[in-house]
Amino acid sequence: MNLILHVEIPVLDIERAMGFYAAVFGIEFGEIVEIHGNRMAYFPFTSGMDGASGALAEGDAYVPTLNGAILYLGVSDIDDTLAKAEQQGSRLLFPKTDVGDGKLFVAEISDSEGNRIAIQAAAG
């Protein structure tokens, strides 16, 4: 069993965050749901595949930060993703860096809510 099963990204404005993640990562969210007084928008997830489930989460307990845990999102083209993030007003927090002898690259950006998000891609 994988240790990490689910991740919730804190947001202040769930609709704005959905727009950011949809534009930068090319994904679609389903309907916003309310759980325990919080609003959630779930990332696309296919059961039985690698990776944890995740959601954007808006509520009193969810406070965006640049200084907390860093979530790594896998992308196929890191340069394209960085360009899309910049178009959405994202700040580059850590530049594209080779971490695997030219086989793996990472970078860190801010999302629309002020969270630090890492992106990772294999060289292609």
PDB file of N, CA and C in Angstrom:
ATOM      1  N   MET A   1       0.841  -1.186   0.000  1.00  0.00           N
ATOM      2  CA  MET A   1       0.000   0.000   0.000  1.00  0.00           C
ATOM      3  C   MET A   1       0.885   1.247   0.000  1.00  0.00           C
ATOM      4  N   ASN A   2       0.515   2.245  -0.807  1.00  0.00           N
ATOM      5  CA  ASN A   2       1.205   3.521  -0.773  1.00  0.00           C
ATOM      6  C   ASN A   2       0.817   4.271   0.491  1.00  0.00           C
ATOM      7  N   LEU A   3       1.785   4.909   1.129  1.00  0.00           N
ATOM      8  CA  LEU A   3       1.526   5.623   2.366  1.00  0.00           C
ATOM      9  C   LEU A   3       0.610   6.825   2.151  1.00  0.00           C
ATOM     10  N   ILE A   4       0.851   7.595   1.111  1.00  0.00           N
ATOM     11  CA  ILE A   4       0.037   8.789   0.867  1.00  0.00           C
ATOM     12  C   ILE A   4      -1.145   8.402  -0.002  1.00  0.00           C
ATOM     13  N   LEU A   5      -2.343   8.591   0.530  1.00  0.00           N
ATOM     14  CA  LEU A   5      -3.556   8.177  -0.159  1.00  0.00           C
ATOM     15  C   LEU A   5      -4.332   9.344  -0.760  1.00  0.00           C
ATOM     16  N   HIS A   6      -4.296  10.503  -0.091  1.00  0.00           N
ATOM     17  CA  HIS A   6      -5.121  11.632  -0.520  1.00  0.00           C
ATOM     18  C   HIS A   6      -4.447  12.929  -0.088  1.00  0.00           C
ATOM     19  N   VAL A   7      -4.539  13.955  -0.930  1.00  0.00           N
ATOM     20  CA  VAL A   7      -3.946  15.261  -0.650  1.00  0.00           C
ATOM     21  C   VAL A   7      -4.997  16.333  -0.885  1.00  0.00           C
ATOM     22  N   GLU A   8      -5.071  17.308   0.017  1.00  0.00           N
ATOM     23  CA  GLU A   8      -5.977  18.436  -0.153  1.00  0.00           C
ATOM     24  C   GLU A   8      -5.160  19.722  -0.201  1.00  0.00           C
ATOM     25  N   ILE A   9      -5.336  20.490  -1.271  1.00  0.00           N
ATOM     26  CA  ILE A   9      -4.623  21.747  -1.454  1.00  0.00           C
ATOM     27  C   ILE A   9      -5.508  22.873  -0.944  1.00  0.00           C
ATOM     28  N   PRO A  10      -5.037  23.627   0.060  1.00  0.00           N
ATOM     29  CA  PRO A  10      -5.846  24.713   0.612  1.00  0.00           C
ATOM     30  C   PRO A  10      -6.028  25.845  -0.395  1.00  0.00           C
ATOM     31  N   VAL A  11      -7.258  26.360  -0.497  1.00  0.00           N
ATOM     32  CA  VAL A  11      -7.545  27.481  -1.386  1.00  0.00           C
ATOM     33  C   VAL A  11      -8.444  28.491  -0.678  1.00  0.00           C
ATOM     34  N   LEU A  12      -8.330  29.740  -1.105  1.00  0.00           N
ATOM     35  CA  LEU A  12      -9.192  30.802  -0.585  1.00  0.00           C
ATOM     36  C   LEU A  12     -10.433  30.977  -1.455  1.00  0.00           C
ATOM     37  N   ASP A  13     -10.277  30.752  -2.763  1.00  0.00           N
ATOM     38  CA  ASP A  13     -11.366  30.921  -3.726  1.00  0.00           C
ATOM     39  C   ASP A  13     -11.356  29.697  -4.634  1.00  0.00           C
ATOM     40  N   ILE A  14     -12.253  28.775  -4.385  1.00  0.00           N
ATOM     41  CA  ILE A  14     -12.208  27.483  -5.078  1.00  0.00           C
ATOM     42  C   ILE A  14     -12.441  27.618  -6.579  1.00  0.00           C
ATOM     43  N   GLU A  15     -13.313  28.525  -6.991  1.00  0.00           N
ATOM     44  CA  GLU A  15     -13.552  28.710  -8.418  1.00  0.00           C
ATOM     45  C   GLU A  15     -12.301  29.251  -9.115  1.00  0.00           C
ATOM     46  N   ARG A  16     -11.638  30.223  -8.500  1.00  0.00           N
ATOM     47  CA  ARG A  16     -10.401  30.774  -9.071  1.00  0.00           C
ATOM     48  C   ARG A  16      -9.327  29.675  -9.159  1.00  0.00           C
ATOM     49  N   ALA A  17      -9.188  28.883  -8.103  1.00  0.00           N
ATOM     50  CA  ALA A  17      -8.194  27.802  -8.088  1.00  0.00           C
ATOM     51  C   ALA A  17      -8.508  26.749  -9.146  1.00  0.00           C
ATOM     52  N   MET A  18      -9.778  26.417  -9.314  1.00  0.00           N
ATOM     53  CA  MET A  18     -10.163  25.460 -10.352  1.00  0.00           C
ATOM     54  C   MET A  18      -9.757  25.988 -11.727  1.00  0.00           C
ATOM     55  N   GLY A  19      -9.962  27.269 -11.960  1.00  0.00           N
ATOM     56  CA  GLY A  19      -9.575  27.874 -13.233  1.00  0.00           C
ATOM     57  C   GLY A  19      -8.083  27.813 -13.459  1.00  0.00           C
ATOM     58  N   PHE A  20      -7.302  28.088 -12.409  1.00  0.00           N
ATOM     59  CA  PHE A  20      -5.846  28.037 -12.510  1.00  0.00           C
ATOM     60  C   PHE A  20      -5.377  26.630 -12.853  1.00  0.00           C
ATOM     61  N   TYR A  21      -5.786  25.636 -12.080  1.00  0.00           N
ATOM     62  CA  TYR A  21      -5.323  24.266 -12.291  1.00  0.00           C
ATOM     63  C   TYR A  21      -5.823  23.709 -13.635  1.00  0.00           C
ATOM     64  N   ALA A  22      -7.031  24.078 -14.040  1.00  0.00           N
ATOM     65  CA  ALA A  22      -7.545  23.641 -15.340  1.00  0.00           C
ATOM     66  C   ALA A  22      -6.696  24.219 -16.472  1.00  0.00           C
ATOM     67  N   ALA A  23      -6.354  25.505 -16.388  1.00  0.00           N
ATOM     68  CA  ALA A  23      -5.581  26.159 -17.449  1.00  0.00           C
ATOM     69  C   ALA A  23      -4.136  25.665 -17.498  1.00  0.00           C
ATOM     70  N   VAL A  24      -3.520  25.490 -16.343  1.00  0.00           N
ATOM     71  CA  VAL A  24      -2.109  25.110 -16.299  1.00  0.00           C
ATOM     72  C   VAL A  24      -1.905  23.626 -16.576  1.00  0.00           C
ATOM     73  N   PHE A  25      -2.755  22.782 -16.040  1.00  0.00           N
ATOM     74  CA  PHE A  25      -2.539  21.334 -16.134  1.00  0.00           C
ATOM     75  C   PHE A  25      -3.489  20.624 -17.110  1.00  0.00           C
ATOM     76  N   GLY A  26      -4.390  21.381 -17.738  1.00  0.00           N
ATOM     77  CA  GLY A  26      -5.268  20.796 -18.743  1.00  0.00           C
ATOM     78  C   GLY A  26      -6.217  19.744 -18.202  1.00  0.00           C
ATOM     79  N   ILE A  27      -6.760  19.995 -17.016  1.00  0.00           N
ATOM     80  CA  ILE A  27      -7.666  19.025 -16.396  1.00  0.00           C
ATOM     81  C   ILE A  27      -9.047  19.647 -16.201  1.00  0.00           C
ATOM     82  N   GLU A  28     -10.018  18.793 -15.935  1.00  0.00           N
ATOM     83  CA  GLU A  28     -11.373  19.254 -15.637  1.00  0.00           C
ATOM     84  C   GLU A  28     -11.772  18.734 -14.265  1.00  0.00           C
ATOM     85  N   PHE A  29     -12.478  19.563 -13.552  1.00  0.00           N
ATOM     86  CA  PHE A  29     -13.010  19.188 -12.247  1.00  0.00           C
ATOM     87  C   PHE A  29     -14.491  18.871 -12.396  1.00  0.00           C
ATOM     88  N   GLY A  30     -14.980  18.019 -11.508  1.00  0.00           N
ATOM     89  CA  GLY A  30     -16.414  17.779 -11.438  1.00  0.00           C
ATOM     90  C   GLY A  30     -17.063  18.890 -10.623  1.00  0.00           C
ATOM     91  N   GLU A  31     -18.238  18.630 -10.137  1.00  0.00           N
ATOM     92  CA  GLU A  31     -18.954  19.606  -9.327  1.00  0.00           C
ATOM     93  C   GLU A  31     -18.267  19.799  -7.979  1.00  0.00           C
ATOM     94  N   ILE A  32     -18.391  20.981  -7.436  1.00  0.00           N
ATOM     95  CA  ILE A  32     -17.908  21.261  -6.087  1.00  0.00           C
ATOM     96  C   ILE A  32     -18.837  20.554  -5.111  1.00  0.00           C
ATOM     97  N   VAL A  33     -18.241  19.868  -4.126  1.00  0.00           N
ATOM     98  CA  VAL A  33     -19.034  19.182  -3.103  1.00  0.00           C
ATOM     99  C   VAL A  33     -18.737  19.797  -1.741  1.00  0.00           C
ATOM    100  N   GLU A  34     -19.681  19.665  -0.842  1.00  0.00           N
ATOM    101  CA  GLU A  34     -19.473  20.155   0.521  1.00  0.00           C
ATOM    102  C   GLU A  34     -19.311  18.967   1.453  1.00  0.00           C
ATOM    103  N   ILE A  35     -18.209  18.987   2.229  1.00  0.00           N
ATOM    104  CA  ILE A  35     -17.929  17.927   3.190  1.00  0.00           C
ATOM    105  C   ILE A  35     -17.550  18.579   4.512  1.00  0.00           C
ATOM    106  N   HIS A  36     -18.279  18.292   5.547  1.00  0.00           N
ATOM    107  CA  HIS A  36     -18.003  18.814   6.889  1.00  0.00           C
ATOM    108  C   HIS A  36     -17.879  20.337   6.885  1.00  0.00           C
ATOM    109  N   GLY A  37     -18.710  21.015   6.119  1.00  0.00           N
ATOM    110  CA  GLY A  37     -18.700  22.476   6.074  1.00  0.00           C
ATOM    111  C   GLY A  37     -17.612  23.080   5.200  1.00  0.00           C
ATOM    112  N   ASN A  38     -16.866  22.246   4.485  1.00  0.00           N
ATOM    113  CA  ASN A  38     -15.816  22.716   3.577  1.00  0.00           C
ATOM    114  C   ASN A  38     -16.232  22.418   2.141  1.00  0.00           C
ATOM    115  N   ARG A  39     -15.727  23.212   1.206  1.00  0.00           N
ATOM    116  CA  ARG A  39     -16.003  22.995  -0.210  1.00  0.00           C
ATOM    117  C   ARG A  39     -14.801  22.293  -0.845  1.00  0.00           C
ATOM    118  N   MET A  40     -15.064  21.271  -1.653  1.00  0.00           N
ATOM    119  CA  MET A  40     -14.015  20.464  -2.283  1.00  0.00           C
ATOM    120  C   MET A  40     -14.273  20.338  -3.778  1.00  0.00           C
ATOM    121  N   ALA A  41     -13.178  20.397  -4.535  1.00  0.00           N
ATOM    122  CA  ALA A  41     -13.210  20.102  -5.974  1.00  0.00           C
ATOM    123  C   ALA A  41     -12.141  19.046  -6.210  1.00  0.00           C
ATOM    124  N   TYR A  42     -12.560  17.877  -6.645  1.00  0.00           N
ATOM    125  CA  TYR A  42     -11.640  16.746  -6.771  1.00  0.00           C
ATOM    126  C   TYR A  42     -10.895  16.756  -8.110  1.00  0.00           C
ATOM    127  N   PHE A  43      -9.591  16.448  -8.041  1.00  0.00           N
ATOM    128  CA  PHE A  43      -8.795  16.258  -9.233  1.00  0.00           C
ATOM    129  C   PHE A  43      -9.239  14.971  -9.910  1.00  0.00           C
ATOM    130  N   PRO A  44      -9.087  14.886 -11.250  1.00  0.00           N
ATOM    131  CA  PRO A  44      -9.402  13.623 -11.921  1.00  0.00           C
ATOM    132  C   PRO A  44      -8.581  12.489 -11.302  1.00  0.00           C
ATOM    133  N   PHE A  45      -9.194  11.345 -11.144  1.00  0.00           N
ATOM    134  CA  PHE A  45      -8.540  10.207 -10.495  1.00  0.00           C
ATOM    135  C   PHE A  45      -9.091   8.922 -11.084  1.00  0.00           C
ATOM    136  N   THR A  46      -8.201   7.992 -11.391  1.00  0.00           N
ATOM    137  CA  THR A  46      -8.602   6.680 -11.887  1.00  0.00           C
ATOM    138  C   THR A  46      -8.143   5.640 -10.882  1.00  0.00           C
ATOM    139  N   SER A  47      -9.092   4.955 -10.300  1.00  0.00           N
ATOM    140  CA  SER A  47      -8.779   3.920  -9.319  1.00  0.00           C
ATOM    141  C   SER A  47      -7.912   2.844  -9.955  1.00  0.00           C
ATOM    142  N   GLY A  48      -6.939   2.336  -9.195  1.00  0.00           N
ATOM    143  CA  GLY A  48      -6.071   1.278  -9.669  1.00  0.00           C
ATOM    144  C   GLY A  48      -4.816   1.764 -10.371  1.00  0.00           C
ATOM    145  N   MET A  49      -4.711   3.069 -10.609  1.00  0.00           N
ATOM    146  CA  MET A  49      -3.515   3.628 -11.234  1.00  0.00           C
ATOM    147  C   MET A  49      -2.618   4.216 -10.153  1.00  0.00           C
ATOM    148  N   ASP A  50      -1.343   4.427 -10.475  1.00  0.00           N
ATOM    149  CA  ASP A  50      -0.409   5.028  -9.522  1.00  0.00           C
ATOM    150  C   ASP A  50      -0.854   6.434  -9.157  1.00  0.00           C
ATOM    151  N   GLY A  51      -0.508   6.855  -7.946  1.00  0.00           N
ATOM    152  CA  GLY A  51      -0.799   8.215  -7.493  1.00  0.00           C
ATOM    153  C   GLY A  51      -1.916   8.245  -6.473  1.00  0.00           C
ATOM    154  N   ALA A  52      -1.957   9.346  -5.745  1.00  0.00           N
ATOM    155  CA  ALA A  52      -2.967   9.553  -4.710  1.00  0.00           C
ATOM    156  C   ALA A  52      -4.105  10.399  -5.266  1.00  0.00           C
ATOM    157  N   SER A  53      -5.253  10.303  -4.638  1.00  0.00           N
ATOM    158  CA  SER A  53      -6.348  11.197  -4.992  1.00  0.00           C
ATOM    159  C   SER A  53      -6.070  12.560  -4.379  1.00  0.00           C
ATOM    160  N   GLY A  54      -6.754  13.582  -4.881  1.00  0.00           N
ATOM    161  CA  GLY A  54      -6.527  14.920  -4.362  1.00  0.00           C
ATOM    162  C   GLY A  54      -7.696  15.836  -4.637  1.00  0.00           C
ATOM    163  N   ALA A  55      -7.711  16.943  -3.899  1.00  0.00           N
ATOM    164  CA  ALA A  55      -8.787  17.912  -4.057  1.00  0.00           C
ATOM    165  C   ALA A  55      -8.282  19.307  -3.718  1.00  0.00           C
ATOM    166  N   LEU A  56      -8.933  20.290  -4.307  1.00  0.00           N
ATOM    167  CA  LEU A  56      -8.799  21.660  -3.843  1.00  0.00           C
ATOM    168  C   LEU A  56      -9.780  21.782  -2.691  1.00  0.00           C
ATOM    169  N   ALA A  57      -9.372  22.433  -1.600  1.00  0.00           N
ATOM    170  CA  ALA A  57     -10.207  22.473  -0.405  1.00  0.00           C
ATOM    171  C   ALA A  57     -10.324  23.897   0.122  1.00  0.00           C
ATOM    172  N   GLU A  58     -11.554  24.363   0.268  1.00  0.00           N
ATOM    173  CA  GLU A  58     -11.839  25.713   0.758  1.00  0.00           C
ATOM    174  C   GLU A  58     -12.627  25.615   2.064  1.00  0.00           C
ATOM    175  N   GLY A  59     -12.132  26.247   3.106  1.00  0.00           N
ATOM    176  CA  GLY A  59     -12.799  26.248   4.393  1.00  0.00           C
ATOM    177  C   GLY A  59     -11.889  26.855   5.440  1.00  0.00           C
ATOM    178  N   ASP A  60     -12.409  27.046   6.633  1.00  0.00           N
ATOM    179  CA  ASP A  60     -11.656  27.706   7.706  1.00  0.00           C
ATOM    180  C   ASP A  60     -10.336  27.018   8.040  1.00  0.00           C
ATOM    181  N   ALA A  61     -10.280  25.699   7.943  1.00  0.00           N
ATOM    182  CA  ALA A  61      -9.065  24.964   8.305  1.00  0.00           C
ATOM    183  C   ALA A  61      -8.021  24.959   7.183  1.00  0.00           C
ATOM    184  N   TYR A  62      -8.383  25.444   6.007  1.00  0.00           N
ATOM    185  CA  TYR A  62      -7.499  25.380   4.843  1.00  0.00           C
ATOM    186  C   TYR A  62      -6.869  26.743   4.577  1.00  0.00           C
ATOM    187  N   VAL A  63      -5.567  26.842   4.848  1.00  0.00           N
ATOM    188  CA  VAL A  63      -4.838  28.098   4.709  1.00  0.00           C
ATOM    189  C   VAL A  63      -3.677  27.896   3.732  1.00  0.00           C
ATOM    190  N   PRO A  64      -3.732  28.528   2.562  1.00  0.00           N
ATOM    191  CA  PRO A  64      -2.633  28.400   1.601  1.00  0.00           C
ATOM    192  C   PRO A  64      -1.317  28.914   2.185  1.00  0.00           C
ATOM    193  N   THR A  65      -0.194  28.317   1.746  1.00  0.00           N
ATOM    194  CA  THR A  65       1.114  28.743   2.237  1.00  0.00           C
ATOM    195  C   THR A  65       2.213  28.398   1.242  1.00  0.00           C
ATOM    196  N   LEU A  66       3.252  29.192   1.257  1.00  0.00           N
ATOM    197  CA  LEU A  66       4.461  28.873   0.496  1.00  0.00           C
ATOM    198  C   LEU A  66       5.414  28.040   1.339  1.00  0.00           C
ATOM    199  N   ASN A  67       5.129  27.891   2.636  1.00  0.00           N
ATOM    200  CA  ASN A  67       6.091  27.318   3.568  1.00  0.00           C
ATOM    201  C   ASN A  67       5.716  25.955   4.138  1.00  0.00           C
ATOM    202  N   GLY A  68       4.707  25.322   3.617  1.00  0.00           N
ATOM    203  CA  GLY A  68       4.304  24.023   4.141  1.00  0.00           C
ATOM    204  C   GLY A  68       4.844  22.884   3.304  1.00  0.00           C
ATOM    205  N   ALA A  69       4.147  21.777   3.349  1.00  0.00           N
ATOM    206  CA  ALA A  69       4.522  20.607   2.543  1.00  0.00           C
ATOM    207  C   ALA A  69       4.470  20.988   1.067  1.00  0.00           C
ATOM    208  N   ILE A  70       5.327  20.375   0.278  1.00  0.00           N
ATOM    209  CA  ILE A  70       5.366  20.660  -1.153  1.00  0.00           C
ATOM    210  C   ILE A  70       4.805  19.462  -1.909  1.00  0.00           C
ATOM    211  N   LEU A  71       3.775  19.711  -2.664  1.00  0.00           N
ATOM    212  CA  LEU A  71       3.119  18.697  -3.473  1.00  0.00           C
ATOM    213  C   LEU A  71       3.765  18.674  -4.851  1.00  0.00           C
ATOM    214  N   TYR A  72       4.138  17.502  -5.338  1.00  0.00           N
ATOM    215  CA  TYR A  72       4.723  17.346  -6.674  1.00  0.00           C
ATOM    216  C   TYR A  72       3.658  16.817  -7.621  1.00  0.00           C
ATOM    217  N   LEU A  73       3.448  17.555  -8.714  1.00  0.00           N
ATOM    218  CA  LEU A  73       2.507  17.128  -9.740  1.00  0.00           C
ATOM    219  C   LEU A  73       3.282  16.720 -10.982  1.00  0.00           C
ATOM    220  N   GLY A  74       2.962  15.557 -11.525  1.00  0.00           N
ATOM    221  CA  GLY A  74       3.645  15.056 -12.711  1.00  0.00           C
ATOM    222  C   GLY A  74       3.061  15.653 -13.977  1.00  0.00           C
ATOM    223  N   VAL A  75       3.939  16.099 -14.871  1.00  0.00           N
ATOM    224  CA  VAL A  75       3.521  16.661 -16.157  1.00  0.00           C
ATOM    225  C   VAL A  75       4.348  16.023 -17.269  1.00  0.00           C
ATOM    226  N   SER A  76       3.858  16.101 -18.487  1.00  0.00           N
ATOM    227  CA  SER A  76       4.602  15.521 -19.603  1.00  0.00           C
ATOM    228  C   SER A  76       5.608  16.507 -20.191  1.00  0.00           C
ATOM    229  N   ASP A  77       5.338  17.811 -20.080  1.00  0.00           N
ATOM    230  CA  ASP A  77       6.215  18.834 -20.656  1.00  0.00           C
ATOM    231  C   ASP A  77       6.378  19.971 -19.653  1.00  0.00           C
ATOM    232  N   ILE A  78       7.495  19.996 -18.947  1.00  0.00           N
ATOM    233  CA  ILE A  78       7.689  20.972 -17.880  1.00  0.00           C
ATOM    234  C   ILE A  78       7.777  22.402 -18.424  1.00  0.00           C
ATOM    235  N   ASP A  79       8.391  22.583 -19.594  1.00  0.00           N
ATOM    236  CA  ASP A  79       8.499  23.921 -20.167  1.00  0.00           C
ATOM    237  C   ASP A  79       7.129  24.485 -20.537  1.00  0.00           C
ATOM    238  N   ASP A  80       6.291  23.650 -21.144  1.00  0.00           N
ATOM    239  CA  ASP A  80       4.935  24.062 -21.505  1.00  0.00           C
ATOM    240  C   ASP A  80       4.126  24.399 -20.258  1.00  0.00           C
ATOM    241  N   THR A  81       4.256  23.583 -19.226  1.00  0.00           N
ATOM    242  CA  THR A  81       3.520  23.820 -17.985  1.00  0.00           C
ATOM    243  C   THR A  81       3.976  25.120 -17.327  1.00  0.00           C
ATOM    244  N   LEU A  82       5.272  25.379 -17.312  1.00  0.00           N
ATOM    245  CA  LEU A  82       5.780  26.638 -16.748  1.00  0.00           C
ATOM    246  C   LEU A  82       5.252  27.842 -17.523  1.00  0.00           C
ATOM    247  N   ALA A  83       5.191  27.731 -18.837  1.00  0.00           N
ATOM    248  CA  ALA A  83       4.670  28.822 -19.663  1.00  0.00           C
ATOM    249  C   ALA A  83       3.191  29.078 -19.366  1.00  0.00           C
ATOM    250  N   LYS A  84       2.409  28.013 -19.234  1.00  0.00           N
ATOM    251  CA  LYS A  84       0.986  28.158 -18.915  1.00  0.00           C
ATOM    252  C   LYS A  84       0.805  28.760 -17.535  1.00  0.00           C
ATOM    253  N   ALA A  85       1.621  28.344 -16.579  1.00  0.00           N
ATOM    254  CA  ALA A  85       1.539  28.890 -15.224  1.00  0.00           C
ATOM    255  C   ALA A  85       1.841  30.388 -15.234  1.00  0.00           C
ATOM    256  N   GLU A  86       2.864  30.783 -15.969  1.00  0.00           N
ATOM    257  CA  GLU A  86       3.221  32.200 -16.063  1.00  0.00           C
ATOM    258  C   GLU A  86       2.069  33.003 -16.666  1.00  0.00           C
ATOM    259  N   GLN A  87       1.405  32.452 -17.681  1.00  0.00           N
ATOM    260  CA  GLN A  87       0.260  33.120 -18.297  1.00  0.00           C
ATOM    261  C   GLN A  87      -0.885  33.311 -17.301  1.00  0.00           C
ATOM    262  N   GLN A  88      -0.942  32.452 -16.298  1.00  0.00           N
ATOM    263  CA  GLN A  88      -1.989  32.535 -15.274  1.00  0.00           C
ATOM    264  C   GLN A  88      -1.569  33.382 -14.073  1.00  0.00           C
ATOM    265  N   GLY A  89      -0.398  34.029 -14.162  1.00  0.00           N
ATOM    266  CA  GLY A  89       0.061  34.904 -13.086  1.00  0.00           C
ATOM    267  C   GLY A  89       0.905  34.229 -12.033  1.00  0.00           C
ATOM    268  N   SER A  90       1.313  32.990 -12.285  1.00  0.00           N
ATOM    269  CA  SER A  90       2.130  32.248 -11.330  1.00  0.00           C
ATOM    270  C   SER A  90       3.537  32.832 -11.256  1.00  0.00           C
ATOM    271  N   ARG A  91       4.140  32.723 -10.079  1.00  0.00           N
ATOM    272  CA  ARG A  91       5.546  33.101  -9.907  1.00  0.00           C
ATOM    273  C   ARG A  91       6.399  31.836  -9.927  1.00  0.00           C
ATOM    274  N   LEU A  92       7.562  31.936 -10.571  1.00  0.00           N
ATOM    275  CA  LEU A  92       8.528  30.841 -10.549  1.00  0.00           C
ATOM    276  C   LEU A  92       9.297  30.933  -9.239  1.00  0.00           C
ATOM    277  N   LEU A  93       9.191  29.902  -8.409  1.00  0.00           N
ATOM    278  CA  LEU A  93       9.835  29.901  -7.092  1.00  0.00           C
ATOM    279  C   LEU A  93      11.143  29.123  -7.089  1.00  0.00           C
ATOM    280  N   PHE A  94      11.261  28.148  -7.981  1.00  0.00           N
ATOM    281  CA  PHE A  94      12.471  27.337  -8.125  1.00  0.00           C
ATOM    282  C   PHE A  94      12.557  26.965  -9.593  1.00  0.00           C
ATOM    283  N   PRO A  95      13.619  27.356 -10.281  1.00  0.00           N
ATOM    284  CA  PRO A  95      13.674  27.156 -11.730  1.00  0.00           C
ATOM    285  C   PRO A  95      13.775  25.685 -12.116  1.00  0.00           C
ATOM    286  N   LYS A  96      13.459  25.419 -13.356  1.00  0.00           N
ATOM    287  CA  LYS A  96      13.604  24.072 -13.907  1.00  0.00           C
ATOM    288  C   LYS A  96      15.020  23.585 -13.628  1.00  0.00           C
ATOM    289  N   THR A  97      15.106  22.439 -12.977  1.00  0.00           N
ATOM    290  CA  THR A  97      16.395  21.908 -12.541  1.00  0.00           C
ATOM    291  C   THR A  97      16.473  20.423 -12.861  1.00  0.00           C
ATOM    292  N   ASP A  98      17.598  20.007 -13.385  1.00  0.00           N
ATOM    293  CA  ASP A  98      17.869  18.600 -13.679  1.00  0.00           C
ATOM    294  C   ASP A  98      18.182  17.893 -12.362  1.00  0.00           C
ATOM    295  N   VAL A  99      17.427  16.841 -12.053  1.00  0.00           N
ATOM    296  CA  VAL A  99      17.679  16.078 -10.824  1.00  0.00           C
ATOM    297  C   VAL A  99      17.948  14.606 -11.114  1.00  0.00           C
ATOM    298  N   GLY A 100      18.209  14.281 -12.380  1.00  0.00           N
ATOM    299  CA  GLY A 100      18.392  12.869 -12.714  1.00  0.00           C
ATOM    300  C   GLY A 100      19.240  12.633 -13.939  1.00  0.00           C
ATOM    301  N   ASP A 101      20.407  13.265 -14.001  1.00  0.00           N
ATOM    302  CA  ASP A 101      21.303  13.063 -15.144  1.00  0.00           C
ATOM    303  C   ASP A 101      20.605  13.301 -16.480  1.00  0.00           C
ATOM    304  N   GLY A 102      19.828  14.387 -16.548  1.00  0.00           N
ATOM    305  CA  GLY A 102      19.127  14.728 -17.776  1.00  0.00           C
ATOM    306  C   GLY A 102      17.879  13.917 -18.044  1.00  0.00           C
ATOM    307  N   LYS A 103      17.465  13.111 -17.064  1.00  0.00           N
ATOM    308  CA  LYS A 103      16.295  12.253 -17.250  1.00  0.00           C
ATOM    309  C   LYS A 103      15.067  12.731 -16.478  1.00  0.00           C
ATOM    310  N   LEU A 104      15.279  13.602 -15.491  1.00  0.00           N
ATOM    311  CA  LEU A 104      14.176  14.057 -14.646  1.00  0.00           C
ATOM    312  C   LEU A 104      14.391  15.523 -14.297  1.00  0.00           C
ATOM    313  N   PHE A 105      13.325  16.318 -14.433  1.00  0.00           N
ATOM    314  CA  PHE A 105      13.393  17.744 -14.140  1.00  0.00           C
ATOM    315  C   PHE A 105      12.291  18.140 -13.170  1.00  0.00           C
ATOM    316  N   VAL A 106      12.594  19.117 -12.316  1.00  0.00           N
ATOM    317  CA  VAL A 106      11.608  19.671 -11.399  1.00  0.00           C
ATOM    318  C   VAL A 106      11.671  21.196 -11.455  1.00  0.00           C
ATOM    319  N   ALA A 107      10.581  21.823 -11.028  1.00  0.00           N
ATOM    320  CA  ALA A 107      10.505  23.271 -10.847  1.00  0.00           C
ATOM    321  C   ALA A 107       9.426  23.513  -9.802  1.00  0.00           C
ATOM    322  N   GLU A 108       9.414  24.707  -9.213  1.00  0.00           N
ATOM    323  CA  GLU A 108       8.372  25.053  -8.247  1.00  0.00           C
ATOM    324  C   GLU A 108       7.757  26.380  -8.645  1.00  0.00           C
ATOM    325  N   ILE A 109       6.426  26.448  -8.519  1.00  0.00           N
ATOM    326  CA  ILE A 109       5.665  27.641  -8.858  1.00  0.00           C
ATOM    327  C   ILE A 109       4.709  27.971  -7.724  1.00  0.00           C
ATOM    328  N   SER A 110       4.168  29.178  -7.760  1.00  0.00           N
ATOM    329  CA  SER A 110       3.059  29.515  -6.868  1.00  0.00           C
ATOM    330  C   SER A 110       1.766  29.266  -7.632  1.00  0.00           C
ATOM    331  N   ASP A 111       0.744  28.808  -6.929  1.00  0.00           N
ATOM    332  CA  ASP A 111      -0.551  28.666  -7.592  1.00  0.00           C
ATOM    333  C   ASP A 111      -1.350  29.949  -7.380  1.00  0.00           C
ATOM    334  N   SER A 112      -2.574  29.974  -7.831  1.00  0.00           N
ATOM    335  CA  SER A 112      -3.412  31.169  -7.737  1.00  0.00           C
ATOM    336  C   SER A 112      -3.744  31.545  -6.301  1.00  0.00           C
ATOM    337  N   GLU A 113      -3.548  30.619  -5.371  1.00  0.00           N
ATOM    338  CA  GLU A 113      -3.939  30.842  -3.977  1.00  0.00           C
ATOM    339  C   GLU A 113      -2.772  31.145  -3.055  1.00  0.00           C
ATOM    340  N   GLY A 114      -1.544  31.061  -3.572  1.00  0.00           N
ATOM    341  CA  GLY A 114      -0.369  31.326  -2.752  1.00  0.00           C
ATOM    342  C   GLY A 114       0.325  30.091  -2.221  1.00  0.00           C
ATOM    343  N   ASN A 115      -0.007  28.922  -2.758  1.00  0.00           N
ATOM    344  CA  ASN A 115       0.670  27.680  -2.370  1.00  0.00           C
ATOM    345  C   ASN A 115       1.906  27.468  -3.231  1.00  0.00           C
ATOM    346  N   ARG A 116       2.910  26.800  -2.665  1.00  0.00           N
ATOM    347  CA  ARG A 116       4.085  26.357  -3.416  1.00  0.00           C
ATOM    348  C   ARG A 116       3.757  24.981  -3.982  1.00  0.00           C
ATOM    349  N   ILE A 117       3.833  24.854  -5.305  1.00  0.00           N
ATOM    350  CA  ILE A 117       3.539  23.600  -5.988  1.00  0.00           C
ATOM    351  C   ILE A 117       4.757  23.227  -6.816  1.00  0.00           C
ATOM    352  N   ALA A 118       5.191  21.976  -6.723  1.00  0.00           N
ATOM    353  CA  ALA A 118       6.304  21.494  -7.536  1.00  0.00           C
ATOM    354  C   ALA A 118       5.738  20.745  -8.732  1.00  0.00           C
ATOM    355  N   ILE A 119       6.436  20.875  -9.862  1.00  0.00           N
ATOM    356  CA  ILE A 119       6.084  20.101 -11.034  1.00  0.00           C
ATOM    357  C   ILE A 119       7.288  19.265 -11.426  1.00  0.00           C
ATOM    358  N   GLN A 120       7.028  18.088 -11.926  1.00  0.00           N
ATOM    359  CA  GLN A 120       8.101  17.143 -12.247  1.00  0.00           C
ATOM    360  C   GLN A 120       7.799  16.480 -13.583  1.00  0.00           C
ATOM    361  N   ALA A 121       8.840  16.334 -14.404  1.00  0.00           N
ATOM    362  CA  ALA A 121       8.672  15.686 -15.700  1.00  0.00           C
ATOM    363  C   ALA A 121       9.928  14.914 -16.068  1.00  0.00           C
ATOM    364  N   ALA A 122       9.721  13.796 -16.732  1.00  0.00           N
ATOM    365  CA  ALA A 122      10.846  13.062 -17.323  1.00  0.00           C
ATOM    366  C   ALA A 122      11.256  13.792 -18.589  1.00  0.00           C
ATOM    367  N   ALA A 123      12.518  13.719 -18.910  1.00  0.00           N
ATOM    368  CA  ALA A 123      13.010  14.340 -20.151  1.00  0.00           C
ATOM    369  C   ALA A 123      12.317  13.680 -21.328  1.00  0.00           C
ATOM    370  N   GLY A 124      12.002  14.464 -22.306  1.00  0.00           N
ATOM    371  CA  GLY A 124      11.309  13.862 -23.421  1.00  0.00           C
ATOM    372  C   GLY A 124      11.626  14.556 -24.639  1.00  0.00           C
TER     373      GLY A 124
END
